[in-house]
Every structure is written in C-alpha cells, then in structure tokens.
C-alpha cells in the first residue's frame, strides 16, 4: 500500500493513513490491500487501531481524483470495495478503535463509525461532505443516527459541514477525549481495558453487536443463546472460567453437589460486583478457601 502503513505494537496492529501533506486522504489503489490487512490479522492480534499520520487529520476521506471521470459501473465497483472494508471492520474478531486527531471526513468518518470505539483529541472535527460534491453519503453513514440521533445526523449529512466535538451531543462520537500529544497513550490505555479478554469471547461479542443492529429483539436474543453456547466449545473459555473460579473461591475444583457449587459461584461473583447477595439467595454463606 502506498499511503497506508501497518505497525505491530505488542498485541495491537496500528493502521496509519500516511499522507499528512494531503490530510491523509485515502486512495482507491490502497483499498484492496487495506481490506486484506483487516481480514488476515495474525491470530495473536487482539486490537486493531486506525489512525492518521501527524495531528492535522485522521483522514479527509477519499482523494477527490477518485471520482473524476467515474461512470456508473466504476462507481458501483468503487463503493463496493469501500463497503467491503467497513464490513471487514465490523466483522473483525478483535476490538477495533479509531484514534482521531484533526479532520475525520467522508469515508474515513464512516470507517471510524464502523469501529467499536473512538479515542479523539480536542482538535477532532467530523463531517460527511459528500453531498457538497454531488453524491450521497452511503454505506456506514447509516450508523450515524445511532451516535448523534436522527435529527442531528440528517443535519450533518444534508449540510455537508464539519462539526467539532462541542457541536455534537455529549458522549456521542468519542469514548475518550484527550490532548493531541497523548492520543497513542490514551488509545493503548483503552485497549488494555477492552482488548485483553479471550479472542473467543471478544469475537462472539462483536458478532452479537452486529446481530443487535440487524435483527429484531426476539431473533437477536435467540441467536445470542447460540453464541453463548458456542464459546464453550473453545478450550480458552474453559481455561478462563477455571482461572476465575480459582481466583474467586480459592479452590481448583467444585465441591459439594452441583446446586451448592452454583450458589457459591453466584455469591462470589455478586460479592465482587458489590451486589447485595441477600437478594440473590435466601441464606448468605461465607466463601472460604479449601
């Protein structure tokens, strides 16, 4: 890829849009490689971060030259490629984060919306300027109402203007807000809280995020029971449960009948969450080590 670099930092892969002299605009020739990089992550990667070189821009979106002379067939092929990238991000088995400083516009803004989380600096500015150049906002712009509300989303799309954080609903786009010089550090702190769980559980949870968006409630609930059951087919799930059972109870194996073991686990988890266990079961029983 000519204007996109990938940097491995521990268990995290950083994808950098790297043309800072042109606000890190995206180029059509880089799109196939970008999708392949997202789809073919190393199995020990647990977090995927997208960011821009420098502090002026995450990315100003697609290079305007992309659209010059484009016909209907070319437009269909191009937007299909871009949609495939957004889908790959949404279907990735790992936590995805957009680390944003400065301008985040057009297709790059849609990419950021496709991610699980967004860490942004105080200089971040968002917009979908497509309508100004004569085309509609499509693909993952459909997610915007879920972030800022239907009315604000329509305003942003129909004006094509750029909005700072102070012009958007609080807690809508940004999970974390930081200073420009602290973006990478703030991003890794968030990853250390969200991308350190088992890959099995994280992948299942991310698939459920899509189910919740695309299915009616009853169907989503039904599918979620299959996802829950499916995690128990992985050895790392059993290992993780065994680890936390030992940590919580001080024992390596269950003791007593199954019902007592279940009650003990319920009590222990409730205690860790500071829940009044009298509401969980009638008789409080002290959990002790073996």
C-alpha atoms as a PDB file:
ATOM      1  CA  UNK A   1       0.000   0.000   0.000  1.00  0.00           C
ATOM      2  CA  UNK A   2       1.397   3.370  -0.996  1.00  0.00           C
ATOM      3  CA  UNK A   3      -0.219   5.665   1.564  1.00  0.00           C
ATOM      4  CA  UNK A   4      -1.157   3.248   4.366  1.00  0.00           C
ATOM      5  CA  UNK A   5       1.297   1.666   6.790  1.00  0.00           C
ATOM      6  CA  UNK A   6       0.789  -1.114   9.326  1.00  0.00           C
ATOM      7  CA  UNK A   7       2.795  -1.240  12.541  1.00  0.00           C
ATOM      8  CA  UNK A   8       2.709  -4.085  15.048  1.00  0.00           C
ATOM      9  CA  UNK A   9       2.979  -2.883  18.664  1.00  0.00           C
ATOM     10  CA  UNK A  10       2.722  -5.817  21.038  1.00  0.00           C
ATOM     11  CA  UNK A  11      -0.704  -7.464  20.587  1.00  0.00           C
ATOM     12  CA  UNK A  12      -2.054  -4.462  18.689  1.00  0.00           C
ATOM     13  CA  UNK A  13      -1.907  -3.627  14.973  1.00  0.00           C
ATOM     14  CA  UNK A  14      -1.810   0.082  14.099  1.00  0.00           C
ATOM     15  CA  UNK A  15      -3.045   1.043  10.631  1.00  0.00           C
ATOM     16  CA  UNK A  16      -1.889   4.560   9.735  1.00  0.00           C
ATOM     17  CA  UNK A  17      -3.251   6.663   6.894  1.00  0.00           C
ATOM     18  CA  UNK A  18       0.038   8.172   5.843  1.00  0.00           C
ATOM     19  CA  UNK A  19      -0.138  11.185   3.578  1.00  0.00           C
ATOM     20  CA  UNK A  20      -0.035  14.052   6.077  1.00  0.00           C
ATOM     21  CA  UNK A  21       0.729  16.695   3.426  1.00  0.00           C
ATOM     22  CA  UNK A  22      -2.714  15.934   1.921  1.00  0.00           C
ATOM     23  CA  UNK A  23      -4.631  15.422   5.190  1.00  0.00           C
ATOM     24  CA  UNK A  24      -4.115  11.644   4.891  1.00  0.00           C
ATOM     25  CA  UNK A  25      -6.623  11.275   2.054  1.00  0.00           C
ATOM     26  CA  UNK A  26      -7.434   7.725   1.002  1.00  0.00           C
ATOM     27  CA  UNK A  27      -6.509   6.369  -2.411  1.00  0.00           C
ATOM     28  CA  UNK A  28      -8.521   3.806  -4.351  1.00  0.00           C
ATOM     29  CA  UNK A  29      -5.448   1.726  -5.176  1.00  0.00           C
ATOM     30  CA  UNK A  30      -4.825   1.161  -1.468  1.00  0.00           C
ATOM     31  CA  UNK A  31      -8.317  -0.158  -0.699  1.00  0.00           C
ATOM     32  CA  UNK A  32      -7.810  -3.844  -1.637  1.00  0.00           C
ATOM     33  CA  UNK A  33      -4.656  -4.042   0.481  1.00  0.00           C
ATOM     34  CA  UNK A  34      -6.401  -2.343   3.398  1.00  0.00           C
ATOM     35  CA  UNK A  35      -9.216  -4.881   3.362  1.00  0.00           C
ATOM     36  CA  UNK A  36      -6.774  -7.788   3.129  1.00  0.00           C
ATOM     37  CA  UNK A  37      -4.834  -6.447   6.110  1.00  0.00           C
ATOM     38  CA  UNK A  38      -8.008  -6.274   8.194  1.00  0.00           C
ATOM     39  CA  UNK A  39      -9.197  -9.740   7.208  1.00  0.00           C
ATOM     40  CA  UNK A  40      -5.837 -11.507   7.564  1.00  0.00           C
ATOM     41  CA  UNK A  41      -4.728 -10.420  11.015  1.00  0.00           C
ATOM     42  CA  UNK A  42      -2.218 -12.567  12.862  1.00  0.00           C
ATOM     43  CA  UNK A  43      -4.043 -14.859  15.324  1.00  0.00           C
ATOM     44  CA  UNK A  44      -2.320 -13.289  18.336  1.00  0.00           C
ATOM     45  CA  UNK A  45      -3.505  -9.757  17.489  1.00  0.00           C
ATOM     46  CA  UNK A  46      -6.159  -8.580  19.946  1.00  0.00           C
ATOM     47  CA  UNK A  47      -6.669  -4.963  18.904  1.00  0.00           C
ATOM     48  CA  UNK A  48      -6.825  -3.135  15.571  1.00  0.00           C
ATOM     49  CA  UNK A  49      -6.295   0.631  15.571  1.00  0.00           C
ATOM     50  CA  UNK A  50      -6.795   3.091  12.727  1.00  0.00           C
ATOM     51  CA  UNK A  51      -5.119   6.491  12.921  1.00  0.00           C
ATOM     52  CA  UNK A  52      -3.651   9.259  10.783  1.00  0.00           C
ATOM     53  CA  UNK A  53      -0.077  10.463  10.422  1.00  0.00           C
ATOM     54  CA  UNK A  54       0.509  13.782  12.185  1.00  0.00           C
ATOM     55  CA  UNK A  55      -2.068  15.735  14.144  1.00  0.00           C
ATOM     56  CA  UNK A  56      -3.903  17.685  11.427  1.00  0.00           C
ATOM     57  CA  UNK A  57      -6.110  14.843  10.235  1.00  0.00           C
ATOM     58  CA  UNK A  58      -7.226  11.291  10.835  1.00  0.00           C
ATOM     59  CA  UNK A  59      -8.164  11.360   7.161  1.00  0.00           C
ATOM     60  CA  UNK A  60     -10.066  13.785   4.959  1.00  0.00           C
ATOM     61  CA  UNK A  61     -11.698  10.845   3.176  1.00  0.00           C
ATOM     62  CA  UNK A  62     -11.280   9.732  -0.410  1.00  0.00           C
ATOM     63  CA  UNK A  63      -8.992  11.631  -2.729  1.00  0.00           C
ATOM     64  CA  UNK A  64     -11.253  13.767  -4.955  1.00  0.00           C
ATOM     65  CA  UNK A  65      -9.378  12.485  -8.003  1.00  0.00           C
ATOM     66  CA  UNK A  66     -11.029   9.108  -7.367  1.00  0.00           C
ATOM     67  CA  UNK A  67     -14.336  10.421  -8.720  1.00  0.00           C
ATOM     68  CA  UNK A  68     -13.125  12.325 -11.772  1.00  0.00           C
ATOM     69  CA  UNK A  69     -14.358  10.592 -14.943  1.00  0.00           C
ATOM     70  CA  UNK A  70     -16.047   7.801 -12.975  1.00  0.00           C
ATOM     71  CA  UNK A  71     -19.039   6.162 -14.687  1.00  0.00           C
ATOM     72  CA  UNK A  72     -21.902   4.173 -13.182  1.00  0.00           C
ATOM     73  CA  UNK A  73     -20.075   0.823 -13.360  1.00  0.00           C
ATOM     74  CA  UNK A  74     -16.912   2.314 -11.907  1.00  0.00           C
ATOM     75  CA  UNK A  75     -18.880   3.945  -9.104  1.00  0.00           C
ATOM     76  CA  UNK A  76     -20.530   0.624  -8.236  1.00  0.00           C
ATOM     77  CA  UNK A  77     -17.184  -1.190  -8.149  1.00  0.00           C
ATOM     78  CA  UNK A  78     -15.532   1.537  -6.058  1.00  0.00           C
ATOM     79  CA  UNK A  79     -18.246   1.829  -3.441  1.00  0.00           C
ATOM     80  CA  UNK A  80     -18.402  -1.960  -3.213  1.00  0.00           C
ATOM     81  CA  UNK A  81     -14.710  -2.002  -2.298  1.00  0.00           C
ATOM     82  CA  UNK A  82     -15.220   0.639   0.367  1.00  0.00           C
ATOM     83  CA  UNK A  83     -18.259  -1.185   1.735  1.00  0.00           C
ATOM     84  CA  UNK A  84     -16.165  -4.358   1.944  1.00  0.00           C
ATOM     85  CA  UNK A  85     -13.639  -2.562   4.152  1.00  0.00           C
ATOM     86  CA  UNK A  86     -16.351  -1.323   6.512  1.00  0.00           C
ATOM     87  CA  UNK A  87     -17.836  -4.812   6.665  1.00  0.00           C
ATOM     88  CA  UNK A  88     -14.423  -6.334   7.401  1.00  0.00           C
ATOM     89  CA  UNK A  89     -14.005  -3.922  10.314  1.00  0.00           C
ATOM     90  CA  UNK A  90     -17.450  -4.709  11.693  1.00  0.00           C
ATOM     91  CA  UNK A  91     -16.833  -8.458  11.330  1.00  0.00           C
ATOM     92  CA  UNK A  92     -13.307  -8.488  12.715  1.00  0.00           C
ATOM     93  CA  UNK A  93     -12.833 -10.872  15.672  1.00  0.00           C
ATOM     94  CA  UNK A  94     -10.781  -8.256  17.564  1.00  0.00           C
ATOM     95  CA  UNK A  95     -11.524  -4.917  19.194  1.00  0.00           C
ATOM     96  CA  UNK A  96     -11.345  -2.068  16.678  1.00  0.00           C
ATOM     97  CA  UNK A  97     -10.505   1.529  17.599  1.00  0.00           C
ATOM     98  CA  UNK A  98     -10.264   4.760  15.629  1.00  0.00           C
ATOM     99  CA  UNK A  99      -7.647   7.106  17.125  1.00  0.00           C
ATOM    100  CA  UNK A 100      -8.616  10.504  15.737  1.00  0.00           C
ATOM    101  CA  UNK A 101      -6.852  13.856  15.698  1.00  0.00           C
ATOM    102  CA  UNK A 102      -7.984  16.685  13.458  1.00  0.00           C
ATOM    103  CA  UNK A 103     -10.206  16.197  10.426  1.00  0.00           C
ATOM    104  CA  UNK A 104     -12.209  12.965  10.112  1.00  0.00           C
ATOM    105  CA  UNK A 105     -14.308  13.267   6.981  1.00  0.00           C
ATOM    106  CA  UNK A 106     -16.300  11.298   4.444  1.00  0.00           C
ATOM    107  CA  UNK A 107     -15.379   7.640   4.087  1.00  0.00           C
ATOM    108  CA  UNK A 108     -12.839   7.978   6.899  1.00  0.00           C
ATOM    109  CA  UNK A 109     -15.595   9.150   9.243  1.00  0.00           C
ATOM    110  CA  UNK A 110     -17.691   6.166   8.214  1.00  0.00           C
ATOM    111  CA  UNK A 111     -14.704   3.912   8.932  1.00  0.00           C
ATOM    112  CA  UNK A 112     -14.434   5.439  12.402  1.00  0.00           C
ATOM    113  CA  UNK A 113     -18.148   4.798  12.991  1.00  0.00           C
ATOM    114  CA  UNK A 114     -17.664   1.155  11.966  1.00  0.00           C
ATOM    115  CA  UNK A 115     -15.094   0.706  14.743  1.00  0.00           C
ATOM    116  CA  UNK A 116     -16.070  -0.396  18.241  1.00  0.00           C
ATOM    117  CA  UNK A 117     -14.524   2.615  19.944  1.00  0.00           C
ATOM    118  CA  UNK A 118     -13.177   6.073  19.180  1.00  0.00           C
ATOM    119  CA  UNK A 119     -10.427   7.945  21.008  1.00  0.00           C
ATOM    120  CA  UNK A 120     -10.352  11.561  19.835  1.00  0.00           C
ATOM    121  CA  UNK A 121      -8.347  14.673  20.545  1.00  0.00           C
ATOM    122  CA  UNK A 122      -9.781  18.068  21.384  1.00  0.00           C
ATOM    123  CA  UNK A 123      -8.966  19.157  17.807  1.00  0.00           C
ATOM    124  CA  UNK A 124     -11.094  16.451  16.149  1.00  0.00           C
ATOM    125  CA  UNK A 125     -13.676  17.563  13.592  1.00  0.00           C
ATOM    126  CA  UNK A 126     -16.194  15.338  11.833  1.00  0.00           C
ATOM    127  CA  UNK A 127     -18.205  15.627   8.663  1.00  0.00           C
ATOM    128  CA  UNK A 128     -19.749  13.971   5.628  1.00  0.00           C
ATOM    129  CA  UNK A 129     -19.093  16.437   2.804  1.00  0.00           C
ATOM    130  CA  UNK A 130     -20.186  14.073   0.005  1.00  0.00           C
ATOM    131  CA  UNK A 131     -23.384  15.997  -0.737  1.00  0.00           C
ATOM    132  CA  UNK A 132     -21.321  19.117  -1.499  1.00  0.00           C
ATOM    133  CA  UNK A 133     -19.508  17.351  -4.325  1.00  0.00           C
ATOM    134  CA  UNK A 134     -22.716  15.896  -5.723  1.00  0.00           C
ATOM    135  CA  UNK A 135     -23.001  12.388  -4.271  1.00  0.00           C
ATOM    136  CA  UNK A 136     -24.921  10.967  -1.291  1.00  0.00           C
ATOM    137  CA  UNK A 137     -23.414   9.662   1.924  1.00  0.00           C
ATOM    138  CA  UNK A 138     -23.785   5.886   1.873  1.00  0.00           C
ATOM    139  CA  UNK A 139     -22.605   2.610   3.454  1.00  0.00           C
ATOM    140  CA  UNK A 140     -21.688   3.167   7.122  1.00  0.00           C
ATOM    141  CA  UNK A 141     -23.086   6.673   7.230  1.00  0.00           C
ATOM    142  CA  UNK A 142     -26.196   4.629   8.075  1.00  0.00           C
ATOM    143  CA  UNK A 143     -24.703   4.203  11.561  1.00  0.00           C
ATOM    144  CA  UNK A 144     -24.584   7.931  12.301  1.00  0.00           C
ATOM    145  CA  UNK A 145     -28.150   8.296  13.675  1.00  0.00           C
ATOM    146  CA  UNK A 146     -27.286   5.731  16.321  1.00  0.00           C
ATOM    147  CA  UNK A 147     -24.498   8.007  17.539  1.00  0.00           C
ATOM    148  CA  UNK A 148     -25.876  11.528  17.300  1.00  0.00           C
ATOM    149  CA  UNK A 149     -29.620  10.970  16.864  1.00  0.00           C
ATOM    150  CA  UNK A 150     -31.728  11.068  13.711  1.00  0.00           C
ATOM    151  CA  UNK A 151     -32.220  14.833  13.548  1.00  0.00           C
ATOM    152  CA  UNK A 152     -28.535  15.715  14.035  1.00  0.00           C
ATOM    153  CA  UNK A 153     -27.440  13.007  11.600  1.00  0.00           C
ATOM    154  CA  UNK A 154     -29.684  14.402   8.874  1.00  0.00           C
ATOM    155  CA  UNK A 155     -28.365  17.890   9.560  1.00  0.00           C
ATOM    156  CA  UNK A 156     -24.748  16.712   9.277  1.00  0.00           C
ATOM    157  CA  UNK A 157     -25.402  14.786   6.070  1.00  0.00           C
ATOM    158  CA  UNK A 158     -27.540  17.442   4.366  1.00  0.00           C
ATOM    159  CA  UNK A 159     -25.254  20.378   5.193  1.00  0.00           C
ATOM    160  CA  UNK A 160     -22.030  18.523   4.458  1.00  0.00           C
ATOM    161  CA  UNK A 161     -20.415  20.751   7.077  1.00  0.00           C
ATOM    162  CA  UNK A 162     -17.672  19.938   9.580  1.00  0.00           C
ATOM    163  CA  UNK A 163     -18.559  19.657  13.265  1.00  0.00           C
ATOM    164  CA  UNK A 164     -16.298  19.966  16.280  1.00  0.00           C
ATOM    165  CA  UNK A 165     -16.893  17.996  19.445  1.00  0.00           C
ATOM    166  CA  UNK A 166     -18.643  20.985  21.036  1.00  0.00           C
ATOM    167  CA  UNK A 167     -21.238  20.907  18.227  1.00  0.00           C
ATOM    168  CA  UNK A 168     -22.158  17.261  18.755  1.00  0.00           C
ATOM    169  CA  UNK A 169     -24.196  15.612  21.522  1.00  0.00           C
ATOM    170  CA  UNK A 170     -22.071  14.787  24.545  1.00  0.00           C
ATOM    171  CA  UNK A 171     -20.676  11.233  24.627  1.00  0.00           C
ATOM    172  CA  UNK A 172     -21.927  10.560  21.091  1.00  0.00           C
ATOM    173  CA  UNK A 173     -18.817  10.037  18.958  1.00  0.00           C
ATOM    174  CA  UNK A 174     -15.950   9.924  21.454  1.00  0.00           C
ATOM    175  CA  UNK A 175     -15.368   7.226  24.059  1.00  0.00           C
ATOM    176  CA  UNK A 176     -12.254   9.049  25.258  1.00  0.00           C
ATOM    177  CA  UNK A 177     -11.210  12.672  24.679  1.00  0.00           C
ATOM    178  CA  UNK A 178      -7.545  13.591  25.087  1.00  0.00           C
ATOM    179  CA  UNK A 179      -4.936  16.138  24.080  1.00  0.00           C
ATOM    180  CA  UNK A 180      -3.289  15.770  20.647  1.00  0.00           C
ATOM    181  CA  UNK A 181       0.094  14.703  22.040  1.00  0.00           C
ATOM    182  CA  UNK A 182      -1.466  11.976  24.165  1.00  0.00           C
ATOM    183  CA  UNK A 183      -3.549  10.187  21.528  1.00  0.00           C
ATOM    184  CA  UNK A 184      -1.492   6.984  21.244  1.00  0.00           C
ATOM    185  CA  UNK A 185      -1.127   6.676  25.009  1.00  0.00           C
ATOM    186  CA  UNK A 186      -4.858   7.174  25.623  1.00  0.00           C
ATOM    187  CA  UNK A 187      -5.686   4.655  22.899  1.00  0.00           C
ATOM    188  CA  UNK A 188      -3.457   1.959  24.361  1.00  0.00           C
ATOM    189  CA  UNK A 189      -4.904   2.543  27.827  1.00  0.00           C
ATOM    190  CA  UNK A 190      -8.376   1.918  26.434  1.00  0.00           C
ATOM    191  CA  UNK A 191      -7.161  -1.179  24.587  1.00  0.00           C
ATOM    192  CA  UNK A 192      -5.622  -2.520  27.768  1.00  0.00           C
ATOM    193  CA  UNK A 193      -9.129  -2.420  29.253  1.00  0.00           C
ATOM    194  CA  UNK A 194     -11.025  -3.811  26.256  1.00  0.00           C
ATOM    195  CA  UNK A 195      -8.691  -5.940  24.122  1.00  0.00           C
ATOM    196  CA  UNK A 196      -7.231  -8.240  26.765  1.00  0.00           C
ATOM    197  CA  UNK A 197     -10.061 -10.774  27.010  1.00  0.00           C
ATOM    198  CA  UNK A 198     -10.149 -14.126  25.221  1.00  0.00           C
ATOM    199  CA  UNK A 199     -10.393 -13.941  21.461  1.00  0.00           C
ATOM    200  CA  UNK A 200     -13.299 -16.389  21.577  1.00  0.00           C
ATOM    201  CA  UNK A 201     -15.387 -14.167  23.849  1.00  0.00           C
ATOM    202  CA  UNK A 202     -14.424 -10.956  22.050  1.00  0.00           C
ATOM    203  CA  UNK A 203     -15.258 -12.379  18.615  1.00  0.00           C
ATOM    204  CA  UNK A 204     -18.611 -13.671  19.878  1.00  0.00           C
ATOM    205  CA  UNK A 205     -19.439 -10.325  21.467  1.00  0.00           C
ATOM    206  CA  UNK A 206     -18.578  -8.439  18.285  1.00  0.00           C
ATOM    207  CA  UNK A 207     -20.797 -10.756  16.235  1.00  0.00           C
ATOM    208  CA  UNK A 208     -23.575 -10.022  18.703  1.00  0.00           C
ATOM    209  CA  UNK A 209     -23.111  -6.287  18.192  1.00  0.00           C
ATOM    210  CA  UNK A 210     -23.995  -6.841  14.521  1.00  0.00           C
ATOM    211  CA  UNK A 211     -26.919  -9.080  15.410  1.00  0.00           C
ATOM    212  CA  UNK A 212     -28.322  -6.436  17.724  1.00  0.00           C
ATOM    213  CA  UNK A 213     -28.149  -3.880  14.906  1.00  0.00           C
ATOM    214  CA  UNK A 214     -29.636  -6.076  12.191  1.00  0.00           C
ATOM    215  CA  UNK A 215     -32.241  -8.319  13.842  1.00  0.00           C
ATOM    216  CA  UNK A 216     -35.479  -7.693  15.758  1.00  0.00           C
ATOM    217  CA  UNK A 217     -35.157  -8.205  19.507  1.00  0.00           C
ATOM    218  CA  UNK A 218     -36.591 -11.730  19.740  1.00  0.00           C
ATOM    219  CA  UNK A 219     -34.431 -13.010  16.885  1.00  0.00           C
ATOM    220  CA  UNK A 220     -31.342 -11.322  18.319  1.00  0.00           C
ATOM    221  CA  UNK A 221     -31.963 -12.958  21.693  1.00  0.00           C
ATOM    222  CA  UNK A 222     -32.391 -16.348  20.047  1.00  0.00           C
ATOM    223  CA  UNK A 223     -29.137 -16.002  18.120  1.00  0.00           C
ATOM    224  CA  UNK A 224     -27.355 -14.817  21.258  1.00  0.00           C
ATOM    225  CA  UNK A 225     -28.049 -18.113  23.030  1.00  0.00           C
ATOM    226  CA  UNK A 226     -26.201 -19.924  20.232  1.00  0.00           C
ATOM    227  CA  UNK A 227     -23.245 -17.552  20.572  1.00  0.00           C
ATOM    228  CA  UNK A 228     -23.160 -18.120  24.337  1.00  0.00           C
ATOM    229  CA  UNK A 229     -23.207 -21.889  23.943  1.00  0.00           C
ATOM    230  CA  UNK A 230     -20.631 -21.782  21.172  1.00  0.00           C
ATOM    231  CA  UNK A 231     -17.984 -20.178  23.371  1.00  0.00           C
ATOM    232  CA  UNK A 232     -17.924 -23.339  25.490  1.00  0.00           C
ATOM    233  CA  UNK A 233     -16.505 -25.256  22.548  1.00  0.00           C
ATOM    234  CA  UNK A 234     -13.200 -23.387  22.953  1.00  0.00           C
ATOM    235  CA  UNK A 235     -10.546 -24.556  25.396  1.00  0.00           C
ATOM    236  CA  UNK A 236      -9.623 -20.965  26.245  1.00  0.00           C
ATOM    237  CA  UNK A 237     -13.173 -20.426  27.543  1.00  0.00           C
ATOM    238  CA  UNK A 238     -12.860 -23.366  29.913  1.00  0.00           C
ATOM    239  CA  UNK A 239      -9.400 -22.223  30.970  1.00  0.00           C
ATOM    240  CA  UNK A 240     -10.629 -18.694  31.667  1.00  0.00           C
ATOM    241  CA  UNK A 241     -13.573 -19.915  33.735  1.00  0.00           C
ATOM    242  CA  UNK A 242     -11.295 -22.241  35.708  1.00  0.00           C
ATOM    243  CA  UNK A 243      -8.858 -19.389  36.355  1.00  0.00           C
ATOM    244  CA  UNK A 244     -11.569 -17.083  37.696  1.00  0.00           C
ATOM    245  CA  UNK A 245     -13.133 -19.884  39.730  1.00  0.00           C
ATOM    246  CA  UNK A 246      -9.789 -20.427  41.473  1.00  0.00           C
ATOM    247  CA  UNK A 247      -9.303 -16.686  41.928  1.00  0.00           C
ATOM    248  CA  UNK A 248     -12.770 -16.166  43.393  1.00  0.00           C
ATOM    249  CA  UNK A 249     -13.120 -19.253  45.580  1.00  0.00           C
ATOM    250  CA  UNK A 250      -9.542 -20.224  46.346  1.00  0.00           C
ATOM    251  CA  UNK A 251     -10.306 -23.763  45.134  1.00  0.00           C
ATOM    252  CA  UNK A 252      -9.290 -25.567  41.994  1.00  0.00           C
ATOM    253  CA  UNK A 253     -12.310 -27.918  41.813  1.00  0.00           C
ATOM    254  CA  UNK A 254     -16.013 -27.807  42.646  1.00  0.00           C
ATOM    255  CA  UNK A 255     -17.028 -29.311  45.953  1.00  0.00           C
ATOM    256  CA  UNK A 256     -20.445 -30.339  47.145  1.00  0.00           C
ATOM    257  CA  UNK A 257     -23.346 -31.004  44.830  1.00  0.00           C
ATOM    258  CA  UNK A 258     -23.899 -29.025  41.654  1.00  0.00           C
ATOM    259  CA  UNK A 259     -26.519 -26.757  43.215  1.00  0.00           C
ATOM    260  CA  UNK A 260     -24.225 -25.763  46.063  1.00  0.00           C
ATOM    261  CA  UNK A 261     -21.384 -25.092  43.638  1.00  0.00           C
ATOM    262  CA  UNK A 262     -23.644 -22.899  41.540  1.00  0.00           C
ATOM    263  CA  UNK A 263     -24.769 -20.968  44.610  1.00  0.00           C
ATOM    264  CA  UNK A 264     -21.178 -20.474  45.687  1.00  0.00           C
ATOM    265  CA  UNK A 265     -20.231 -19.091  42.289  1.00  0.00           C
ATOM    266  CA  UNK A 266     -23.271 -16.804  42.259  1.00  0.00           C
ATOM    267  CA  UNK A 267     -22.344 -15.456  45.656  1.00  0.00           C
ATOM    268  CA  UNK A 268     -18.718 -14.910  44.729  1.00  0.00           C
ATOM    269  CA  UNK A 269     -19.449 -13.013  41.522  1.00  0.00           C
ATOM    270  CA  UNK A 270     -22.140 -10.967  43.232  1.00  0.00           C
ATOM    271  CA  UNK A 271     -19.727 -10.069  46.006  1.00  0.00           C
ATOM    272  CA  UNK A 272     -17.137  -8.892  43.518  1.00  0.00           C
ATOM    273  CA  UNK A 273     -19.765  -6.660  41.910  1.00  0.00           C
ATOM    274  CA  UNK A 274     -20.824  -5.277  45.304  1.00  0.00           C
ATOM    275  CA  UNK A 275     -24.327  -6.698  44.908  1.00  0.00           C
ATOM    276  CA  UNK A 276     -26.433  -7.365  47.998  1.00  0.00           C
ATOM    277  CA  UNK A 277     -26.339 -11.157  47.899  1.00  0.00           C
ATOM    278  CA  UNK A 278     -29.385 -11.371  50.188  1.00  0.00           C
ATOM    279  CA  UNK A 279     -31.313 -10.568  47.011  1.00  0.00           C
ATOM    280  CA  UNK A 280     -29.582 -13.383  45.153  1.00  0.00           C
ATOM    281  CA  UNK A 281     -30.379 -16.209  47.558  1.00  0.00           C
ATOM    282  CA  UNK A 282     -32.058 -16.514  50.975  1.00  0.00           C
ATOM    283  CA  UNK A 283     -29.130 -17.619  53.095  1.00  0.00           C
ATOM    284  CA  UNK A 284     -25.757 -15.887  52.992  1.00  0.00           C
ATOM    285  CA  UNK A 285     -22.920 -18.375  53.106  1.00  0.00           C
ATOM    286  CA  UNK A 286     -19.299 -17.473  53.646  1.00  0.00           C
ATOM    287  CA  UNK A 287     -16.933 -18.468  50.835  1.00  0.00           C
ATOM    288  CA  UNK A 288     -13.643 -19.758  52.124  1.00  0.00           C
ATOM    289  CA  UNK A 289     -10.602 -21.366  50.596  1.00  0.00           C
ATOM    290  CA  UNK A 290     -10.184 -25.112  50.504  1.00  0.00           C
END
